[in-house]
Amino acid sequence: MRNKTKLILLVFLLSFFVSNFQSFAQIGGSTTYQFLNLPNSARISALGGNALAIKDGDLSLALYNPSLLSKSMNNHLALSFVDYYSDINYGFASYSRTFKKLGVFDAGIQFASYGKFTEASETGDVLGTFKSSDYCLSFGWAKPLDSMFSIGANLKTIYSNYYQQYNSFGIAVDVAATYFNSKKNLSVSLIAKNIGRELHSYVHNNPEPLPFEVQLGVSKKLEHVPFRISVVVQHLEKWDLTYEDPNNPTLTVDPLTNEPIPEKKFSKFADKLGRHFVFGGEFAIMKSLFVRVGYNYQRRKELLVDSRKSTVGFSWGLGIKISKFQISYARAKYHLVGSPNTITVCTNLSDFISKK
């Protein structure tokens, strides 16, 4: 018990130590490989668009939280595809295998294709076409410490190719720990994502930081109602996530004095706090049919149009079990211009092997 506690504390301390280092390195700059943060899983997308702490044998969640891998996922396969904006699409494929003494392993590949572009000279002469894309090959591992605690990690190699010599290669790891109490239907996860660096940058000797993030996820399945509540606290490594668009300032101006009206301290605090939370709910209509909804406050604040706020920031989806397949669909409202559609299929390949 004492060794287990030390190990969990070590994961916490490591996460926050690296978070301080990474956040310092990112002050005043931006990050590369943003496709790593796109929600590939339809279940995650429907529940708000961020990593979750649901431990129920869903391989599509382990791509973001490796500590959710369990021995029940032996010989499982997960495939996902997202129809994003314009000609952009992305997705992943993942396979898991259980080894008694070593733990549970999975291997997966993520991709993001940005479509075909027309290449032209400075004078406008068309020279041809080219494509741009990102790829990530990942290897995950998880091992239970006892009946309640488990740890996991992802090793990721990243390749990006935008145009001819503008390509990049990087490496990153995710580390995670999960507490799961089956009697209380409660799970809690701490995740440190994208700890790594760019080994070969797009521009020589100009490496960019990776999109590092620390998240805390909590999931609770209600006892007498077929409903699961999920909450994700994102970006624990950084308090202020607000962004002020210089072309669309949010300052309110006094019509008489033409002076800016300062924002109330509580409103400012509540806004900053709200950007850290992502809420999701999953209702089991029956054992094989699920309805999911989510709300992402930060997404709503950054992407809504004041003249027509609509349902930006909200998401919904369905999950259904048909024969040997678990199929999930999600539609997330990012902006008025459209909503990405995500479909994920999971299955246990062992179910296709006839048992004699």
Protein backbone atom coordinates (compact mmCIF):
# COMPACT_ATOMS: atom_id res chain seq x y z
CA MET A 1 0.00 0.00 0.00
CA ARG A 2 2.81 2.40 0.88
CA ASN A 3 4.63 1.74 -2.40
CA LYS A 4 1.42 2.25 -4.36
CA THR A 5 0.80 5.59 -2.69
CA LYS A 6 4.36 6.70 -3.46
CA LEU A 7 3.92 5.77 -7.11
CA ILE A 8 0.67 7.71 -7.46
CA LEU A 9 2.26 10.74 -5.79
CA LEU A 10 5.21 10.44 -8.15
CA VAL A 11 2.89 10.60 -11.17
CA PHE A 12 1.21 13.71 -9.73
CA LEU A 13 4.50 15.44 -8.96
CA LEU A 14 5.99 14.56 -12.34
CA SER A 15 2.94 15.93 -14.13
CA PHE A 16 3.01 19.26 -12.35
CA PHE A 17 6.79 19.62 -12.56
CA VAL A 18 6.71 19.13 -16.31
CA SER A 19 3.65 21.39 -16.58
CA ASN A 20 5.55 24.28 -14.99
CA PHE A 21 8.49 23.73 -17.33
CA GLN A 22 6.32 23.46 -20.44
CA SER A 23 4.05 26.41 -19.62
CA PHE A 24 7.10 28.61 -19.05
CA ALA A 25 8.49 27.57 -22.42
CA GLN A 26 5.22 28.46 -24.15
CA ILE A 27 4.77 32.00 -22.78
CA GLY A 28 4.18 34.38 -25.67
CA GLY A 29 4.31 31.62 -28.29
CA SER A 30 2.23 28.88 -29.86
CA THR A 31 2.50 25.13 -30.21
CA THR A 32 2.88 22.71 -33.07
CA TYR A 33 1.16 19.35 -33.77
CA GLN A 34 -2.25 20.70 -32.75
CA PHE A 35 -3.91 17.74 -34.48
CA LEU A 36 -2.97 15.67 -31.42
CA ASN A 37 -5.70 17.50 -29.49
CA LEU A 38 -8.47 16.88 -32.01
CA PRO A 39 -11.15 14.53 -30.59
CA ASN A 40 -10.91 11.36 -32.70
CA SER A 41 -13.30 9.27 -30.61
CA ALA A 42 -17.01 9.84 -31.27
CA ARG A 43 -17.71 9.20 -27.60
CA ILE A 44 -15.24 11.86 -26.47
CA SER A 45 -16.53 14.30 -29.08
CA ALA A 46 -20.15 13.80 -27.97
CA LEU A 47 -19.25 14.30 -24.30
CA GLY A 48 -17.56 17.66 -24.80
CA GLY A 49 -14.41 16.93 -26.80
CA ASN A 50 -11.77 16.12 -24.21
CA ALA A 51 -10.21 13.06 -22.53
CA LEU A 52 -12.39 11.16 -20.09
CA ALA A 53 -12.07 8.90 -17.06
CA ILE A 54 -14.64 6.30 -18.12
CA LYS A 55 -13.27 2.82 -17.54
CA ASP A 56 -15.65 0.39 -19.23
CA GLY A 57 -13.54 -1.35 -21.88
CA ASP A 58 -13.77 1.29 -24.62
CA LEU A 59 -10.51 1.17 -26.59
CA SER A 60 -11.22 4.48 -28.34
CA LEU A 61 -10.76 6.31 -25.01
CA ALA A 62 -7.32 4.79 -24.36
CA LEU A 63 -5.82 6.82 -27.20
CA TYR A 64 -6.09 9.86 -24.90
CA ASN A 65 -5.93 8.15 -21.50
CA PRO A 66 -3.65 5.08 -21.60
CA SER A 67 -4.40 4.14 -17.97
CA LEU A 68 -7.90 3.11 -19.14
CA LEU A 69 -6.44 0.08 -20.93
CA SER A 70 -7.56 -3.11 -19.19
CA LYS A 71 -7.18 -6.85 -19.64
CA SER A 72 -10.76 -7.02 -20.96
CA MET A 73 -9.55 -5.25 -24.12
CA ASN A 74 -7.49 -8.20 -25.36
CA ASN A 75 -7.63 -8.43 -29.17
CA HIS A 76 -9.80 -5.32 -29.50
CA LEU A 77 -9.84 -3.07 -32.56
CA ALA A 78 -11.04 0.55 -32.82
CA LEU A 79 -11.49 2.62 -35.98
CA SER A 80 -12.60 6.23 -36.20
CA PHE A 81 -13.17 8.82 -38.91
CA VAL A 82 -14.03 12.53 -38.67
CA ASP A 83 -15.54 14.56 -41.49
CA TYR A 84 -14.16 17.97 -40.54
CA TYR A 85 -14.45 21.26 -42.42
CA SER A 86 -13.93 21.69 -46.17
CA ASP A 87 -11.76 18.82 -47.46
CA ILE A 88 -10.15 18.21 -44.06
CA ASN A 89 -10.63 14.85 -42.38
CA TYR A 90 -8.84 12.93 -39.68
CA GLY A 91 -9.12 9.71 -37.69
CA PHE A 92 -7.29 6.80 -36.11
CA ALA A 93 -6.96 3.02 -35.94
CA SER A 94 -5.94 1.17 -32.78
CA TYR A 95 -5.40 -2.42 -31.66
CA SER A 96 -4.84 -3.76 -28.13
CA ARG A 97 -3.37 -6.93 -26.68
CA THR A 98 -3.11 -8.25 -23.11
CA PHE A 99 -0.06 -9.99 -21.63
CA LYS A 100 -0.50 -11.47 -18.16
CA LYS A 101 2.80 -10.40 -16.61
CA LEU A 102 3.56 -7.27 -18.62
CA GLY A 103 0.17 -5.57 -18.76
CA VAL A 104 -1.98 -4.32 -21.62
CA PHE A 105 -0.49 -2.87 -24.81
CA ASP A 106 -2.00 -1.07 -27.75
CA ALA A 107 -0.69 0.30 -31.03
CA GLY A 108 -2.39 2.98 -33.05
CA ILE A 109 -2.01 5.52 -35.80
CA GLN A 110 -3.59 8.96 -36.02
CA PHE A 111 -3.81 10.96 -39.21
CA ALA A 112 -5.03 14.38 -40.29
CA SER A 113 -5.40 15.13 -43.99
CA TYR A 114 -5.81 18.78 -44.99
CA GLY A 115 -6.77 18.15 -48.59
CA LYS A 116 -5.28 19.14 -51.93
CA PHE A 117 -3.77 22.57 -52.59
CA THR A 118 -2.95 24.36 -55.83
CA GLU A 119 0.69 25.36 -56.22
CA ALA A 120 1.30 28.58 -58.13
CA SER A 121 4.23 30.84 -58.89
CA GLU A 122 4.57 34.45 -57.76
CA THR A 123 3.05 35.54 -61.07
CA GLY A 124 0.03 33.28 -60.66
CA ASP A 125 1.07 30.48 -63.01
CA VAL A 126 -0.29 27.13 -61.82
CA LEU A 127 2.56 24.70 -61.24
CA GLY A 128 0.59 21.74 -59.94
CA THR A 129 -0.97 20.47 -56.74
CA PHE A 130 0.25 19.16 -53.39
CA LYS A 131 -1.22 17.63 -50.24
CA SER A 132 -0.58 18.31 -46.56
CA SER A 133 -0.99 15.89 -43.67
CA ASP A 134 0.01 14.94 -40.12
CA TYR A 135 0.64 11.47 -38.70
CA CYS A 136 1.21 10.03 -35.25
CA LEU A 137 2.25 6.44 -34.53
CA SER A 138 1.62 5.57 -30.88
CA PHE A 139 2.33 2.66 -28.56
CA GLY A 140 0.42 2.47 -25.29
CA TRP A 141 0.84 0.46 -22.11
CA ALA A 142 -1.12 0.11 -18.88
CA LYS A 143 -0.82 -2.02 -15.78
CA PRO A 144 -3.06 -2.30 -12.71
CA LEU A 145 -1.40 -1.63 -9.35
CA ASP A 146 -4.27 -3.28 -7.50
CA SER A 147 -8.05 -3.65 -7.91
CA MET A 148 -8.57 0.14 -7.96
CA PHE A 149 -5.43 1.89 -9.24
CA SER A 150 -3.84 1.63 -12.67
CA ILE A 151 -1.13 3.53 -14.52
CA GLY A 152 -0.43 3.92 -18.21
CA ALA A 153 1.68 5.68 -20.82
CA ASN A 154 1.73 6.42 -24.54
CA LEU A 155 4.87 6.79 -26.64
CA LYS A 156 4.18 8.84 -29.76
CA THR A 157 6.26 9.49 -32.87
CA ILE A 158 4.93 12.38 -34.94
CA TYR A 159 5.50 13.24 -38.58
CA SER A 160 4.16 16.32 -40.34
CA ASN A 161 4.48 17.18 -44.03
CA TYR A 162 2.93 20.38 -45.36
CA TYR A 163 4.89 21.27 -48.48
CA GLN A 164 8.16 19.93 -49.90
CA GLN A 165 10.89 20.85 -47.39
CA TYR A 166 8.37 22.08 -44.81
CA ASN A 167 8.15 18.91 -42.75
CA SER A 168 8.71 18.06 -39.12
CA PHE A 169 9.39 15.10 -36.86
CA GLY A 170 8.82 14.90 -33.12
CA ILE A 171 8.41 12.56 -30.19
CA ALA A 172 6.12 12.75 -27.17
CA VAL A 173 4.76 10.73 -24.27
CA ASP A 174 1.53 10.76 -22.29
CA VAL A 175 1.43 9.55 -18.68
CA ALA A 176 -1.74 8.81 -16.75
CA ALA A 177 -3.09 7.29 -13.56
CA THR A 178 -6.65 6.16 -12.87
CA TYR A 179 -8.58 5.33 -9.72
CA PHE A 180 -11.64 3.14 -10.35
CA ASN A 181 -14.11 2.07 -7.66
CA SER A 182 -16.51 -0.46 -9.17
CA LYS A 183 -18.75 -0.48 -6.09
CA LYS A 184 -19.35 3.27 -6.30
CA ASN A 185 -19.16 3.40 -10.12
CA LEU A 186 -16.61 6.19 -9.74
CA SER A 187 -13.43 6.77 -11.72
CA VAL A 188 -10.86 9.55 -11.50
CA SER A 189 -7.94 10.08 -13.90
CA LEU A 190 -4.96 12.41 -14.01
CA ILE A 191 -3.34 12.81 -17.42
CA ALA A 192 -0.24 14.65 -18.62
CA LYS A 193 -0.34 14.83 -22.43
CA ASN A 194 2.23 15.53 -25.12
CA ILE A 195 5.40 15.72 -23.04
CA GLY A 196 8.10 15.93 -25.67
CA ARG A 197 9.82 17.99 -28.30
CA GLU A 198 10.23 18.61 -31.99
CA LEU A 199 13.37 16.81 -33.20
CA HIS A 200 13.28 18.17 -36.74
CA SER A 201 11.50 21.50 -37.16
CA TYR A 202 9.75 22.99 -40.20
CA VAL A 203 12.28 25.82 -40.19
CA HIS A 204 15.91 24.93 -39.44
CA ASN A 205 16.94 25.58 -35.82
CA ASN A 206 13.51 26.94 -34.93
CA PRO A 207 11.78 24.20 -32.88
CA GLU A 208 8.29 24.86 -31.55
CA PRO A 209 6.82 23.53 -28.29
CA LEU A 210 4.28 20.71 -28.27
CA PRO A 211 0.67 21.20 -27.05
CA PHE A 212 1.39 20.00 -23.51
CA GLU A 213 -1.58 19.75 -21.15
CA VAL A 214 -2.51 18.35 -17.74
CA GLN A 215 -6.09 17.15 -17.27
CA LEU A 216 -8.16 15.76 -14.44
CA GLY A 217 -11.19 13.66 -15.31
CA VAL A 218 -14.00 12.42 -13.08
CA SER A 219 -16.79 10.06 -14.07
CA LYS A 220 -19.69 8.87 -11.92
CA LYS A 221 -22.44 6.44 -12.89
CA LEU A 222 -25.56 7.08 -10.85
CA GLU A 223 -26.81 4.21 -8.72
CA HIS A 224 -30.56 4.22 -9.42
CA VAL A 225 -30.62 6.04 -12.76
CA PRO A 226 -29.01 4.78 -16.01
CA PHE A 227 -27.02 7.99 -16.33
CA ARG A 228 -23.30 8.74 -16.20
CA ILE A 229 -21.88 12.19 -15.45
CA SER A 230 -18.41 13.12 -16.70
CA VAL A 231 -16.38 16.21 -15.86
CA VAL A 232 -12.97 17.10 -17.30
CA VAL A 233 -10.82 19.85 -15.84
CA GLN A 234 -8.50 20.88 -18.67
CA HIS A 235 -5.24 22.85 -18.72
CA LEU A 236 -4.34 22.48 -15.07
CA GLU A 237 -0.90 23.79 -16.01
CA LYS A 238 -2.26 27.23 -16.92
CA TRP A 239 -4.87 29.36 -15.16
CA ASP A 240 -5.71 32.07 -17.70
CA LEU A 241 -7.05 30.57 -20.96
CA THR A 242 -8.76 33.73 -22.19
CA TYR A 243 -7.94 35.18 -25.58
CA GLU A 244 -8.60 38.76 -26.57
CA ASP A 245 -9.17 39.19 -30.30
CA PRO A 246 -7.67 42.59 -31.28
CA ASN A 247 -10.16 42.80 -34.16
CA ASN A 248 -13.13 42.11 -31.89
CA PRO A 249 -12.44 43.53 -28.42
CA THR A 250 -14.83 42.57 -25.64
CA LEU A 251 -14.44 45.83 -23.69
CA THR A 252 -17.71 47.61 -22.97
CA VAL A 253 -17.51 51.36 -23.56
CA ASP A 254 -19.48 53.97 -21.63
CA PRO A 255 -21.59 55.87 -24.23
CA LEU A 256 -21.24 59.15 -22.31
CA THR A 257 -17.55 59.23 -21.42
CA ASN A 258 -16.33 56.87 -24.16
CA GLU A 259 -14.22 55.24 -21.46
CA PRO A 260 -13.96 51.43 -21.15
CA ILE A 261 -16.08 49.94 -18.39
CA PRO A 262 -13.90 47.58 -16.32
CA GLU A 263 -15.14 44.02 -16.04
CA LYS A 264 -16.31 42.96 -12.60
CA LYS A 265 -13.77 40.86 -10.72
CA PHE A 266 -16.19 38.01 -10.03
CA SER A 267 -17.32 37.82 -13.66
CA LYS A 268 -13.71 37.77 -14.80
CA PHE A 269 -12.86 35.02 -12.31
CA ALA A 270 -15.93 32.95 -13.26
CA ASP A 271 -15.07 33.24 -16.95
CA LYS A 272 -11.51 32.04 -16.40
CA LEU A 273 -12.69 29.20 -14.16
CA GLY A 274 -15.40 28.08 -16.58
CA ARG A 275 -12.92 27.68 -19.44
CA HIS A 276 -11.27 24.82 -17.54
CA PHE A 277 -14.41 22.65 -17.36
CA VAL A 278 -15.94 20.30 -19.90
CA PHE A 279 -19.20 18.56 -18.96
CA GLY A 280 -20.73 15.42 -20.40
CA GLY A 281 -23.67 13.13 -19.75
CA GLU A 282 -24.45 9.64 -21.03
CA PHE A 283 -27.93 8.15 -20.74
CA ALA A 284 -28.47 4.42 -21.30
CA ILE A 285 -31.89 4.05 -22.88
CA MET A 286 -31.27 0.30 -22.95
CA LYS A 287 -28.23 -1.95 -22.66
CA SER A 288 -27.38 -1.48 -26.32
CA LEU A 289 -28.41 2.15 -26.92
CA PHE A 290 -26.86 5.31 -25.42
CA VAL A 291 -27.58 9.02 -25.84
CA ARG A 292 -24.74 11.45 -25.09
CA VAL A 293 -24.53 15.22 -24.65
CA GLY A 294 -21.68 17.57 -23.82
CA TYR A 295 -20.83 21.21 -23.19
CA ASN A 296 -17.47 22.92 -23.68
CA TYR A 297 -17.52 26.46 -22.25
CA GLN A 298 -14.15 27.48 -23.67
CA ARG A 299 -15.14 26.40 -27.18
CA ARG A 300 -18.34 28.41 -26.92
CA LYS A 301 -16.60 31.56 -25.69
CA GLU A 302 -13.95 31.45 -28.42
CA LEU A 303 -16.05 30.47 -31.44
CA LEU A 304 -19.54 31.92 -30.98
CA VAL A 305 -20.82 34.86 -33.03
CA ASP A 306 -22.48 37.47 -30.81
CA SER A 307 -25.21 38.24 -33.33
CA ARG A 308 -26.25 34.58 -33.48
CA LYS A 309 -24.93 32.46 -30.64
CA SER A 310 -26.81 29.28 -31.56
CA THR A 311 -25.64 26.06 -29.85
CA VAL A 312 -21.90 26.62 -30.30
CA GLY A 313 -20.04 24.67 -27.60
CA PHE A 314 -22.66 21.94 -27.33
CA SER A 315 -22.31 18.42 -28.70
CA TRP A 316 -24.38 15.26 -28.86
CA GLY A 317 -24.11 11.69 -30.03
CA LEU A 318 -25.38 8.14 -30.00
CA GLY A 319 -23.87 4.79 -29.13
CA ILE A 320 -25.31 1.49 -30.24
CA LYS A 321 -24.26 -2.14 -29.95
CA ILE A 322 -25.10 -4.21 -33.02
CA SER A 323 -24.04 -7.84 -33.04
CA LYS A 324 -20.26 -7.82 -32.49
CA PHE A 325 -19.81 -4.08 -33.05
CA GLN A 326 -20.03 -0.97 -30.87
CA ILE A 327 -20.81 1.99 -33.11
CA SER A 328 -20.70 5.58 -31.91
CA TYR A 329 -21.68 8.77 -33.71
CA ALA A 330 -21.13 12.38 -32.64
CA ARG A 331 -21.90 15.85 -33.94
CA ALA A 332 -20.22 18.81 -32.26
CA LYS A 333 -21.20 22.43 -32.81
CA TYR A 334 -17.93 24.31 -33.28
CA HIS A 335 -19.18 27.28 -35.29
CA LEU A 336 -22.12 28.54 -37.32
CA VAL A 337 -20.39 27.45 -40.54
CA GLY A 338 -20.85 23.79 -39.67
CA SER A 339 -20.47 20.87 -37.31
CA PRO A 340 -17.97 18.01 -37.68
CA ASN A 341 -19.34 14.47 -37.79
CA THR A 342 -17.48 11.63 -36.08
CA ILE A 343 -18.07 7.90 -36.33
CA THR A 344 -16.19 5.26 -34.32
CA VAL A 345 -16.43 1.49 -34.55
CA CYS A 346 -15.03 -0.85 -31.88
CA THR A 347 -15.04 -4.62 -31.83
CA ASN A 348 -13.46 -7.63 -30.17
CA LEU A 349 -11.75 -9.65 -32.90
CA SER A 350 -11.94 -12.74 -30.72
CA ASP A 351 -15.71 -12.75 -31.25
CA PHE A 352 -15.12 -13.58 -34.91
CA ILE A 353 -13.11 -16.68 -34.06
CA SER A 354 -15.29 -19.77 -33.81
CA LYS A 355 -14.90 -21.58 -30.52
CA LYS A 356 -14.77 -25.34 -30.78
